[in-house]
Each structure stands twice: as structure tokens, then as C-alpha cells.
Amino acid sequence: ALCGFGISSWLAYKSAIWEEVKIVVFAEIVWCGLAGLLMV
């Protein structure tokens, strides 16, 4: 999962157009937020 999200960030980095990356940003908020809270 970490590699998958990391690679999606690489693809978003290469794209650089908001409309193409906003779903990646939202998915990162959900994944990192839930995982962070569960880690706490």
C-alpha cells in the first residue's frame, strides 16, 4: 500500500495539473489521516 500510494504521488508529481491530481490528494488525506489516527 505504501509503495502504491508513493507511486501515485510520483505520477501526480509528473502530471502537475490540479484536475489530474486532486483525487490523489484526496485519497492521501483519507489514507494518511485514518492510518495516523489508528497509529495514535
PDB file of all heavy atoms in Angstrom:
ATOM      1  N   ALA A   1       0.830  -1.208   0.000  1.00  0.00           N
ATOM      2  CA  ALA A   1       0.000   0.000   0.000  1.00  0.00           C
ATOM      3  C   ALA A   1       0.862   1.254   0.000  1.00  0.00           C
ATOM      4  O   ALA A   1       0.598   2.214  -0.736  1.00  0.00           O
ATOM      5  CB  ALA A   1      -0.935   0.003   1.210  1.00  0.00           C
ATOM      6  N   LEU A   2       1.919   1.249   0.818  1.00  0.00           N
ATOM      7  CA  LEU A   2       2.811   2.409   0.867  1.00  0.00           C
ATOM      8  C   LEU A   2       3.484   2.640  -0.479  1.00  0.00           C
ATOM      9  O   LEU A   2       3.595   3.781  -0.940  1.00  0.00           O
ATOM     10  CB  LEU A   2       3.859   2.231   1.965  1.00  0.00           C
ATOM     11  CG  LEU A   2       3.341   2.288   3.397  1.00  0.00           C
ATOM     12  CD1 LEU A   2       4.432   1.866   4.375  1.00  0.00           C
ATOM     13  CD2 LEU A   2       2.817   3.663   3.734  1.00  0.00           C
ATOM     14  N   CYS A   3       3.937   1.569  -1.108  1.00  0.00           N
ATOM     15  CA  CYS A   3       4.543   1.712  -2.441  1.00  0.00           C
ATOM     16  C   CYS A   3       3.518   2.208  -3.450  1.00  0.00           C
ATOM     17  O   CYS A   3       3.819   3.073  -4.280  1.00  0.00           O
ATOM     18  CB  CYS A   3       5.138   0.386  -2.906  1.00  0.00           C
ATOM     19  SG  CYS A   3       6.720   0.001  -2.157  1.00  0.00           S
ATOM     20  N   GLY A   4       2.310   1.679  -3.384  1.00  0.00           N
ATOM     21  CA  GLY A   4       1.261   2.111  -4.313  1.00  0.00           C
ATOM     22  C   GLY A   4       0.927   3.584  -4.162  1.00  0.00           C
ATOM     23  O   GLY A   4       0.857   4.317  -5.159  1.00  0.00           O
ATOM     24  N   PHE A   5       0.755   4.032  -2.933  1.00  0.00           N
ATOM     25  CA  PHE A   5       0.477   5.458  -2.720  1.00  0.00           C
ATOM     26  C   PHE A   5       1.691   6.314  -3.070  1.00  0.00           C
ATOM     27  O   PHE A   5       1.555   7.421  -3.594  1.00  0.00           O
ATOM     28  CB  PHE A   5       0.027   5.720  -1.280  1.00  0.00           C
ATOM     29  CG  PHE A   5      -1.431   5.460  -1.054  1.00  0.00           C
ATOM     30  CD1 PHE A   5      -1.846   4.336  -0.361  1.00  0.00           C
ATOM     31  CD2 PHE A   5      -2.386   6.322  -1.538  1.00  0.00           C
ATOM     32  CE1 PHE A   5      -3.190   4.094  -0.151  1.00  0.00           C
ATOM     33  CE2 PHE A   5      -3.739   6.095  -1.335  1.00  0.00           C
ATOM     34  CZ  PHE A   5      -4.141   4.972  -0.642  1.00  0.00           C
ATOM     35  N   GLY A   6       2.881   5.799  -2.791  1.00  0.00           N
ATOM     36  CA  GLY A   6       4.090   6.527  -3.161  1.00  0.00           C
ATOM     37  C   GLY A   6       4.205   6.701  -4.665  1.00  0.00           C
ATOM     38  O   GLY A   6       4.503   7.795  -5.161  1.00  0.00           O
ATOM     39  N   ILE A   7       3.930   5.637  -5.394  1.00  0.00           N
ATOM     40  CA  ILE A   7       3.997   5.715  -6.859  1.00  0.00           C
ATOM     41  C   ILE A   7       2.912   6.629  -7.402  1.00  0.00           C
ATOM     42  O   ILE A   7       3.146   7.380  -8.358  1.00  0.00           O
ATOM     43  CB  ILE A   7       3.951   4.308  -7.473  1.00  0.00           C
ATOM     44  CG1 ILE A   7       5.263   3.579  -7.142  1.00  0.00           C
ATOM     45  CG2 ILE A   7       3.717   4.361  -8.982  1.00  0.00           C
ATOM     46  CD1 ILE A   7       5.253   2.107  -7.426  1.00  0.00           C
ATOM     47  N   SER A   8       1.737   6.627  -6.779  1.00  0.00           N
ATOM     48  CA  SER A   8       0.690   7.557  -7.232  1.00  0.00           C
ATOM     49  C   SER A   8       1.133   9.002  -7.010  1.00  0.00           C
ATOM     50  O   SER A   8       0.813   9.887  -7.813  1.00  0.00           O
ATOM     51  CB  SER A   8      -0.647   7.274  -6.536  1.00  0.00           C
ATOM     52  OG  SER A   8      -0.612   7.654  -5.179  1.00  0.00           O
ATOM     53  N   SER A   9       1.891   9.239  -5.943  1.00  0.00           N
ATOM     54  CA  SER A   9       2.425  10.591  -5.727  1.00  0.00           C
ATOM     55  C   SER A   9       3.459  10.945  -6.791  1.00  0.00           C
ATOM     56  O   SER A   9       3.536  12.098  -7.229  1.00  0.00           O
ATOM     57  CB  SER A   9       3.057  10.700  -4.333  1.00  0.00           C
ATOM     58  OG  SER A   9       2.055  10.866  -3.364  1.00  0.00           O
ATOM     59  N   TRP A  10       4.252   9.974  -7.221  1.00  0.00           N
ATOM     60  CA  TRP A  10       5.215  10.232  -8.306  1.00  0.00           C
ATOM     61  C   TRP A  10       4.481  10.600  -9.591  1.00  0.00           C
ATOM     62  O   TRP A  10       4.850  11.548 -10.279  1.00  0.00           O
ATOM     63  CB  TRP A  10       6.108   9.015  -8.528  1.00  0.00           C
ATOM     64  CG  TRP A  10       7.000   9.178  -9.716  1.00  0.00           C
ATOM     65  CD1 TRP A  10       6.874   8.578 -10.927  1.00  0.00           C
ATOM     66  CD2 TRP A  10       8.139  10.026  -9.814  1.00  0.00           C
ATOM     67  NE1 TRP A  10       7.871   8.997 -11.769  1.00  0.00           N
ATOM     68  CE2 TRP A  10       8.668   9.896 -11.111  1.00  0.00           C
ATOM     69  CE3 TRP A  10       8.772  10.894  -8.927  1.00  0.00           C
ATOM     70  CZ2 TRP A  10       9.790  10.579 -11.540  1.00  0.00           C
ATOM     71  CZ3 TRP A  10       9.898  11.578  -9.359  1.00  0.00           C
ATOM     72  CH2 TRP A  10      10.392  11.418 -10.645  1.00  0.00           C
ATOM     73  N   LEU A  11       3.430   9.853  -9.894  1.00  0.00           N
ATOM     74  CA  LEU A  11       2.654  10.150 -11.110  1.00  0.00           C
ATOM     75  C   LEU A  11       1.991  11.519 -11.015  1.00  0.00           C
ATOM     76  O   LEU A  11       1.947  12.262 -11.999  1.00  0.00           O
ATOM     77  CB  LEU A  11       1.611   9.054 -11.351  1.00  0.00           C
ATOM     78  CG  LEU A  11       2.190   7.673 -11.654  1.00  0.00           C
ATOM     79  CD1 LEU A  11       1.078   6.631 -11.697  1.00  0.00           C
ATOM     80  CD2 LEU A  11       2.980   7.682 -12.949  1.00  0.00           C
ATOM     81  N   ALA A  12       1.494  11.863  -9.829  1.00  0.00           N
ATOM     82  CA  ALA A  12       0.895  13.189  -9.628  1.00  0.00           C
ATOM     83  C   ALA A  12       1.959  14.271  -9.763  1.00  0.00           C
ATOM     84  O   ALA A  12       1.711  15.330 -10.353  1.00  0.00           O
ATOM     85  CB  ALA A  12       0.214  13.260  -8.264  1.00  0.00           C
ATOM     86  N   TYR A  13       3.126  14.028  -9.230  1.00  0.00           N
ATOM     87  CA  TYR A  13       4.246  14.974  -9.350  1.00  0.00           C
ATOM     88  C   TYR A  13       4.576  15.221 -10.828  1.00  0.00           C
ATOM     89  O   TYR A  13       4.804  16.354 -11.237  1.00  0.00           O
ATOM     90  CB  TYR A  13       5.462  14.411  -8.619  1.00  0.00           C
ATOM     91  CG  TYR A  13       6.738  15.170  -8.869  1.00  0.00           C
ATOM     92  CD1 TYR A  13       7.015  16.335  -8.169  1.00  0.00           C
ATOM     93  CD2 TYR A  13       7.671  14.718  -9.801  1.00  0.00           C
ATOM     94  CE1 TYR A  13       8.193  17.035  -8.393  1.00  0.00           C
ATOM     95  CE2 TYR A  13       8.848  15.408 -10.025  1.00  0.00           C
ATOM     96  CZ  TYR A  13       9.103  16.565  -9.323  1.00  0.00           C
ATOM     97  OH  TYR A  13      10.266  17.267  -9.550  1.00  0.00           O
ATOM     98  N   LYS A  14       4.572  14.165 -11.609  1.00  0.00           N
ATOM     99  CA  LYS A  14       4.898  14.290 -13.032  1.00  0.00           C
ATOM    100  C   LYS A  14       3.779  14.981 -13.808  1.00  0.00           C
ATOM    101  O   LYS A  14       4.044  15.645 -14.800  1.00  0.00           O
ATOM    102  CB  LYS A  14       5.172  12.911 -13.647  1.00  0.00           C
ATOM    103  CG  LYS A  14       6.361  12.194 -13.050  1.00  0.00           C
ATOM    104  CD  LYS A  14       7.657  12.909 -13.293  1.00  0.00           C
ATOM    105  CE  LYS A  14       8.095  12.690 -14.711  1.00  0.00           C
ATOM    106  NZ  LYS A  14       9.358  13.315 -15.043  1.00  0.00           N
ATOM    107  N   SER A  15       2.541  14.842 -13.380  1.00  0.00           N
ATOM    108  CA  SER A  15       1.414  15.446 -14.081  1.00  0.00           C
ATOM    109  C   SER A  15       1.355  16.946 -13.848  1.00  0.00           C
ATOM    110  O   SER A  15       1.353  17.720 -14.788  1.00  0.00           O
ATOM    111  CB  SER A  15       0.097  14.807 -13.642  1.00  0.00           C
ATOM    112  OG  SER A  15      -0.983  15.538 -14.179  1.00  0.00           O
ATOM    113  N   ALA A  16       1.246  17.353 -12.606  1.00  0.00           N
ATOM    114  CA  ALA A  16       1.270  18.752 -12.178  1.00  0.00           C
ATOM    115  C   ALA A  16       0.039  19.576 -12.552  1.00  0.00           C
ATOM    116  O   ALA A  16       0.046  20.781 -12.375  1.00  0.00           O
ATOM    117  CB  ALA A  16       2.539  19.447 -12.679  1.00  0.00           C
ATOM    118  N   ILE A  17      -1.013  18.976 -13.062  1.00  0.00           N
ATOM    119  CA  ILE A  17      -2.258  19.694 -13.372  1.00  0.00           C
ATOM    120  C   ILE A  17      -3.276  19.331 -12.285  1.00  0.00           C
ATOM    121  O   ILE A  17      -3.536  18.156 -12.035  1.00  0.00           O
ATOM    122  CB  ILE A  17      -2.805  19.305 -14.763  1.00  0.00           C
ATOM    123  CG1 ILE A  17      -1.758  19.554 -15.844  1.00  0.00           C
ATOM    124  CG2 ILE A  17      -4.112  20.035 -15.062  1.00  0.00           C
ATOM    125  CD1 ILE A  17      -1.344  20.996 -16.007  1.00  0.00           C
ATOM    126  N   TRP A  18      -3.857  20.336 -11.645  1.00  0.00           N
ATOM    127  CA  TRP A  18      -4.738  20.122 -10.500  1.00  0.00           C
ATOM    128  C   TRP A  18      -5.853  19.134 -10.792  1.00  0.00           C
ATOM    129  O   TRP A  18      -6.113  18.222 -10.009  1.00  0.00           O
ATOM    130  CB  TRP A  18      -5.294  21.441  -9.976  1.00  0.00           C
ATOM    131  CG  TRP A  18      -6.311  21.223  -8.893  1.00  0.00           C
ATOM    132  CD1 TRP A  18      -7.636  21.497  -8.939  1.00  0.00           C
ATOM    133  CD2 TRP A  18      -6.077  20.630  -7.610  1.00  0.00           C
ATOM    134  NE1 TRP A  18      -8.246  21.121  -7.763  1.00  0.00           N
ATOM    135  CE2 TRP A  18      -7.299  20.583  -6.929  1.00  0.00           C
ATOM    136  CE3 TRP A  18      -4.949  20.131  -6.968  1.00  0.00           C
ATOM    137  CZ2 TRP A  18      -7.431  20.072  -5.648  1.00  0.00           C
ATOM    138  CZ3 TRP A  18      -5.085  19.625  -5.682  1.00  0.00           C
ATOM    139  CH2 TRP A  18      -6.313  19.597  -5.049  1.00  0.00           C
ATOM    140  N   GLU A  19      -6.528  19.272 -11.890  1.00  0.00           N
ATOM    141  CA  GLU A  19      -7.656  18.384 -12.205  1.00  0.00           C
ATOM    142  C   GLU A  19      -7.216  16.920 -12.312  1.00  0.00           C
ATOM    143  O   GLU A  19      -8.008  16.024 -12.063  1.00  0.00           O
ATOM    144  CB  GLU A  19      -8.357  18.828 -13.497  1.00  0.00           C
ATOM    145  CG  GLU A  19      -9.167  20.092 -13.340  1.00  0.00           C
ATOM    146  CD  GLU A  19     -10.252  19.990 -12.283  1.00  0.00           C
ATOM    147  OE1 GLU A  19     -10.962  18.959 -12.226  1.00  0.00           O
ATOM    148  OE2 GLU A  19     -10.398  20.934 -11.488  1.00  0.00           O
ATOM    149  N   GLU A  20      -5.964  16.704 -12.675  1.00  0.00           N
ATOM    150  CA  GLU A  20      -5.452  15.340 -12.805  1.00  0.00           C
ATOM    151  C   GLU A  20      -4.953  14.764 -11.489  1.00  0.00           C
ATOM    152  O   GLU A  20      -4.811  13.554 -11.366  1.00  0.00           O
ATOM    153  CB  GLU A  20      -4.327  15.297 -13.846  1.00  0.00           C
ATOM    154  CG  GLU A  20      -4.802  15.620 -15.248  1.00  0.00           C
ATOM    155  CD  GLU A  20      -3.665  15.681 -16.251  1.00  0.00           C
ATOM    156  OE1 GLU A  20      -2.498  15.465 -15.867  1.00  0.00           O
ATOM    157  OE2 GLU A  20      -3.950  15.940 -17.426  1.00  0.00           O
ATOM    158  N   VAL A  21      -4.675  15.608 -10.511  1.00  0.00           N
ATOM    159  CA  VAL A  21      -4.082  15.111  -9.264  1.00  0.00           C
ATOM    160  C   VAL A  21      -4.991  15.246  -8.048  1.00  0.00           C
ATOM    161  O   VAL A  21      -4.682  14.689  -6.996  1.00  0.00           O
ATOM    162  CB  VAL A  21      -2.722  15.800  -8.971  1.00  0.00           C
ATOM    163  CG1 VAL A  21      -1.757  15.618 -10.119  1.00  0.00           C
ATOM    164  CG2 VAL A  21      -2.890  17.264  -8.614  1.00  0.00           C
ATOM    165  N   LYS A  22      -6.115  15.938  -8.175  1.00  0.00           N
ATOM    166  CA  LYS A  22      -6.914  16.205  -6.974  1.00  0.00           C
ATOM    167  C   LYS A  22      -7.450  14.939  -6.317  1.00  0.00           C
ATOM    168  O   LYS A  22      -7.530  14.879  -5.086  1.00  0.00           O
ATOM    169  CB  LYS A  22      -8.032  17.209  -7.258  1.00  0.00           C
ATOM    170  CG  LYS A  22      -9.158  16.711  -8.095  1.00  0.00           C
ATOM    171  CD  LYS A  22     -10.197  17.811  -8.266  1.00  0.00           C
ATOM    172  CE  LYS A  22     -11.319  17.361  -9.151  1.00  0.00           C
ATOM    173  NZ  LYS A  22     -12.290  18.434  -9.338  1.00  0.00           N
ATOM    174  N   ILE A  23      -7.763  13.910  -7.084  1.00  0.00           N
ATOM    175  CA  ILE A  23      -8.246  12.678  -6.457  1.00  0.00           C
ATOM    176  C   ILE A  23      -7.129  11.975  -5.695  1.00  0.00           C
ATOM    177  O   ILE A  23      -7.360  11.352  -4.655  1.00  0.00           O
ATOM    178  CB  ILE A  23      -8.918  11.740  -7.474  1.00  0.00           C
ATOM    179  CG1 ILE A  23      -9.730  10.690  -6.728  1.00  0.00           C
ATOM    180  CG2 ILE A  23      -7.906  11.121  -8.408  1.00  0.00           C
ATOM    181  CD1 ILE A  23     -10.808  10.052  -7.532  1.00  0.00           C
ATOM    182  N   VAL A  24      -5.886  12.110  -6.182  1.00  0.00           N
ATOM    183  CA  VAL A  24      -4.743  11.553  -5.460  1.00  0.00           C
ATOM    184  C   VAL A  24      -4.578  12.287  -4.135  1.00  0.00           C
ATOM    185  O   VAL A  24      -4.355  11.662  -3.087  1.00  0.00           O
ATOM    186  CB  VAL A  24      -3.453  11.638  -6.308  1.00  0.00           C
ATOM    187  CG1 VAL A  24      -2.240  11.207  -5.501  1.00  0.00           C
ATOM    188  CG2 VAL A  24      -3.585  10.812  -7.575  1.00  0.00           C
ATOM    189  N   VAL A  25      -4.702  13.587  -4.161  1.00  0.00           N
ATOM    190  CA  VAL A  25      -4.584  14.388  -2.938  1.00  0.00           C
ATOM    191  C   VAL A  25      -5.661  13.973  -1.937  1.00  0.00           C
ATOM    192  O   VAL A  25      -5.380  13.757  -0.755  1.00  0.00           O
ATOM    193  CB  VAL A  25      -4.658  15.899  -3.244  1.00  0.00           C
ATOM    194  CG1 VAL A  25      -4.678  16.721  -1.958  1.00  0.00           C
ATOM    195  CG2 VAL A  25      -3.495  16.325  -4.131  1.00  0.00           C
ATOM    196  N   PHE A  26      -6.893  13.832  -2.396  1.00  0.00           N
ATOM    197  CA  PHE A  26      -7.981  13.433  -1.505  1.00  0.00           C
ATOM    198  C   PHE A  26      -7.743  12.039  -0.939  1.00  0.00           C
ATOM    199  O   PHE A  26      -7.940  11.797   0.261  1.00  0.00           O
ATOM    200  CB  PHE A  26      -9.329  13.501  -2.232  1.00  0.00           C
ATOM    201  CG  PHE A  26     -10.487  13.294  -1.312  1.00  0.00           C
ATOM    202  CD1 PHE A  26     -10.904  14.304  -0.462  1.00  0.00           C
ATOM    203  CD2 PHE A  26     -11.150  12.079  -1.280  1.00  0.00           C
ATOM    204  CE1 PHE A  26     -11.967  14.115   0.414  1.00  0.00           C
ATOM    205  CE2 PHE A  26     -12.209  11.880  -0.406  1.00  0.00           C
ATOM    206  CZ  PHE A  26     -12.617  12.898   0.439  1.00  0.00           C
ATOM    207  N   ALA A  27      -7.293  11.110  -1.776  1.00  0.00           N
ATOM    208  CA  ALA A  27      -7.005   9.753  -1.300  1.00  0.00           C
ATOM    209  C   ALA A  27      -5.894   9.765  -0.253  1.00  0.00           C
ATOM    210  O   ALA A  27      -5.952   9.014   0.736  1.00  0.00           O
ATOM    211  CB  ALA A  27      -6.618   8.847  -2.470  1.00  0.00           C
ATOM    212  N   GLU A  28      -4.904  10.620  -0.427  1.00  0.00           N
ATOM    213  CA  GLU A  28      -3.825  10.732   0.550  1.00  0.00           C
ATOM    214  C   GLU A  28      -4.335  11.277   1.885  1.00  0.00           C
ATOM    215  O   GLU A  28      -3.890  10.837   2.948  1.00  0.00           O
ATOM    216  CB  GLU A  28      -2.703  11.628   0.027  1.00  0.00           C
ATOM    217  CG  GLU A  28      -1.940  11.050  -1.137  1.00  0.00           C
ATOM    218  CD  GLU A  28      -1.133   9.813  -0.792  1.00  0.00           C
ATOM    219  OE1 GLU A  28      -1.077   9.417   0.391  1.00  0.00           O
ATOM    220  OE2 GLU A  28      -0.546   9.240  -1.714  1.00  0.00           O
ATOM    221  N   ILE A  29      -5.248  12.222   1.833  1.00  0.00           N
ATOM    222  CA  ILE A  29      -5.831  12.760   3.072  1.00  0.00           C
ATOM    223  C   ILE A  29      -6.526  11.641   3.839  1.00  0.00           C
ATOM    224  O   ILE A  29      -6.330  11.477   5.052  1.00  0.00           O
ATOM    225  CB  ILE A  29      -6.817  13.910   2.774  1.00  0.00           C
ATOM    226  CG1 ILE A  29      -6.076  15.102   2.165  1.00  0.00           C
ATOM    227  CG2 ILE A  29      -7.569  14.316   4.037  1.00  0.00           C
ATOM    228  CD1 ILE A  29      -6.993  16.133   1.535  1.00  0.00           C
ATOM    229  N   VAL A  30      -7.324  10.854   3.131  1.00  0.00           N
ATOM    230  CA  VAL A  30      -8.074   9.772   3.778  1.00  0.00           C
ATOM    231  C   VAL A  30      -7.122   8.704   4.318  1.00  0.00           C
ATOM    232  O   VAL A  30      -7.196   8.326   5.490  1.00  0.00           O
ATOM    233  CB  VAL A  30      -9.106   9.165   2.801  1.00  0.00           C
ATOM    234  CG1 VAL A  30      -9.763   7.936   3.402  1.00  0.00           C
ATOM    235  CG2 VAL A  30     -10.149  10.207   2.416  1.00  0.00           C
ATOM    236  N   TRP A  31      -6.227   8.210   3.466  1.00  0.00           N
ATOM    237  CA  TRP A  31      -5.304   7.146   3.874  1.00  0.00           C
ATOM    238  C   TRP A  31      -4.418   7.588   5.034  1.00  0.00           C
ATOM    239  O   TRP A  31      -4.346   6.914   6.061  1.00  0.00           O
ATOM    240  CB  TRP A  31      -4.467   6.702   2.686  1.00  0.00           C
ATOM    241  CG  TRP A  31      -3.163   6.041   3.031  1.00  0.00           C
ATOM    242  CD1 TRP A  31      -1.927   6.536   2.793  1.00  0.00           C
ATOM    243  CD2 TRP A  31      -2.954   4.769   3.674  1.00  0.00           C
ATOM    244  NE1 TRP A  31      -0.962   5.671   3.250  1.00  0.00           N
ATOM    245  CE2 TRP A  31      -1.567   4.570   3.792  1.00  0.00           C
ATOM    246  CE3 TRP A  31      -3.800   3.793   4.173  1.00  0.00           C
ATOM    247  CZ2 TRP A  31      -1.009   3.440   4.381  1.00  0.00           C
ATOM    248  CZ3 TRP A  31      -3.235   2.659   4.761  1.00  0.00           C
ATOM    249  CH2 TRP A  31      -1.860   2.495   4.846  1.00  0.00           C
ATOM    250  N   CYS A  32      -3.742   8.702   4.875  1.00  0.00           N
ATOM    251  CA  CYS A  32      -2.803   9.153   5.913  1.00  0.00           C
ATOM    252  C   CYS A  32      -3.527   9.567   7.188  1.00  0.00           C
ATOM    253  O   CYS A  32      -3.039   9.320   8.292  1.00  0.00           O
ATOM    254  CB  CYS A  32      -1.939  10.298   5.383  1.00  0.00           C
ATOM    255  SG  CYS A  32      -0.813   9.785   4.070  1.00  0.00           S
ATOM    256  N   GLY A  33      -4.695  10.186   7.042  1.00  0.00           N
ATOM    257  CA  GLY A  33      -5.463  10.595   8.212  1.00  0.00           C
ATOM    258  C   GLY A  33      -5.942   9.404   9.027  1.00  0.00           C
ATOM    259  O   GLY A  33      -5.730   9.352  10.247  1.00  0.00           O
ATOM    260  N   LEU A  34      -6.556   8.438   8.356  1.00  0.00           N
ATOM    261  CA  LEU A  34      -7.032   7.252   9.074  1.00  0.00           C
ATOM    262  C   LEU A  34      -5.875   6.452   9.657  1.00  0.00           C
ATOM    263  O   LEU A  34      -5.927   6.034  10.826  1.00  0.00           O
ATOM    264  CB  LEU A  34      -7.868   6.367   8.139  1.00  0.00           C
ATOM    265  CG  LEU A  34      -9.234   6.903   7.749  1.00  0.00           C
ATOM    266  CD1 LEU A  34      -9.896   5.992   6.720  1.00  0.00           C
ATOM    267  CD2 LEU A  34     -10.125   7.047   8.974  1.00  0.00           C
ATOM    268  N   ALA A  35      -4.833   6.239   8.870  1.00  0.00           N
ATOM    269  CA  ALA A  35      -3.683   5.472   9.353  1.00  0.00           C
ATOM    270  C   ALA A  35      -3.007   6.192  10.514  1.00  0.00           C
ATOM    271  O   ALA A  35      -2.595   5.552  11.497  1.00  0.00           O
ATOM    272  CB  ALA A  35      -2.697   5.230   8.207  1.00  0.00           C
ATOM    273  N   GLY A  36      -2.890   7.514  10.440  1.00  0.00           N
ATOM    274  CA  GLY A  36      -2.278   8.278  11.530  1.00  0.00           C
ATOM    275  C   GLY A  36      -3.075   8.192  12.811  1.00  0.00           C
ATOM    276  O   GLY A  36      -2.518   8.002  13.899  1.00  0.00           O
ATOM    277  N   LEU A  37      -4.398   8.322  12.699  1.00  0.00           N
ATOM    278  CA  LEU A  37      -5.248   8.214  13.888  1.00  0.00           C
ATOM    279  C   LEU A  37      -5.197   6.816  14.488  1.00  0.00           C
ATOM    280  O   LEU A  37      -5.154   6.648  15.719  1.00  0.00           O
ATOM    281  CB  LEU A  37      -6.684   8.609  13.550  1.00  0.00           C
ATOM    282  CG  LEU A  37      -6.893  10.081  13.217  1.00  0.00           C
ATOM    283  CD1 LEU A  37      -8.327  10.328  12.759  1.00  0.00           C
ATOM    284  CD2 LEU A  37      -6.542  10.974  14.398  1.00  0.00           C
ATOM    285  N   LEU A  38      -5.186   5.801  13.641  1.00  0.00           N
ATOM    286  CA  LEU A  38      -5.073   4.435  14.147  1.00  0.00           C
ATOM    287  C   LEU A  38      -3.724   4.192  14.811  1.00  0.00           C
ATOM    288  O   LEU A  38      -3.633   3.463  15.803  1.00  0.00           O
ATOM    289  CB  LEU A  38      -5.301   3.420  13.017  1.00  0.00           C
ATOM    290  CG  LEU A  38      -6.748   3.293  12.559  1.00  0.00           C
ATOM    291  CD1 LEU A  38      -6.847   2.446  11.304  1.00  0.00           C
ATOM    292  CD2 LEU A  38      -7.614   2.719  13.669  1.00  0.00           C
ATOM    293  N   MET A  39      -2.678   4.819  14.282  1.00  0.00           N
ATOM    294  CA  MET A  39      -1.371   4.689  14.915  1.00  0.00           C
ATOM    295  C   MET A  39      -1.354   5.349  16.291  1.00  0.00           C
ATOM    296  O   MET A  39      -0.754   4.807  17.224  1.00  0.00           O
ATOM    297  CB  MET A  39      -0.273   5.272  14.028  1.00  0.00           C
ATOM    298  CG  MET A  39       0.205   4.338  12.935  1.00  0.00           C
ATOM    299  SD  MET A  39       0.909   2.787  13.553  1.00  0.00           S
ATOM    300  CE  MET A  39       2.296   3.382  14.524  1.00  0.00           C
ATOM    301  N   VAL A  40      -2.008   6.494  16.424  1.00  0.00           N
ATOM    302  CA  VAL A  40      -2.083   7.135  17.746  1.00  0.00           C
ATOM    303  C   VAL A  40      -2.760   6.180  18.727  1.00  0.00           C
ATOM    304  O   VAL A  40      -2.268   5.956  19.841  1.00  0.00           O
ATOM    305  CB  VAL A  40      -2.844   8.484  17.679  1.00  0.00           C
ATOM    306  CG1 VAL A  40      -3.156   9.001  19.076  1.00  0.00           C
ATOM    307  CG2 VAL A  40      -2.052   9.514  16.893  1.00  0.00           C
TER     308      VAL A  40
END
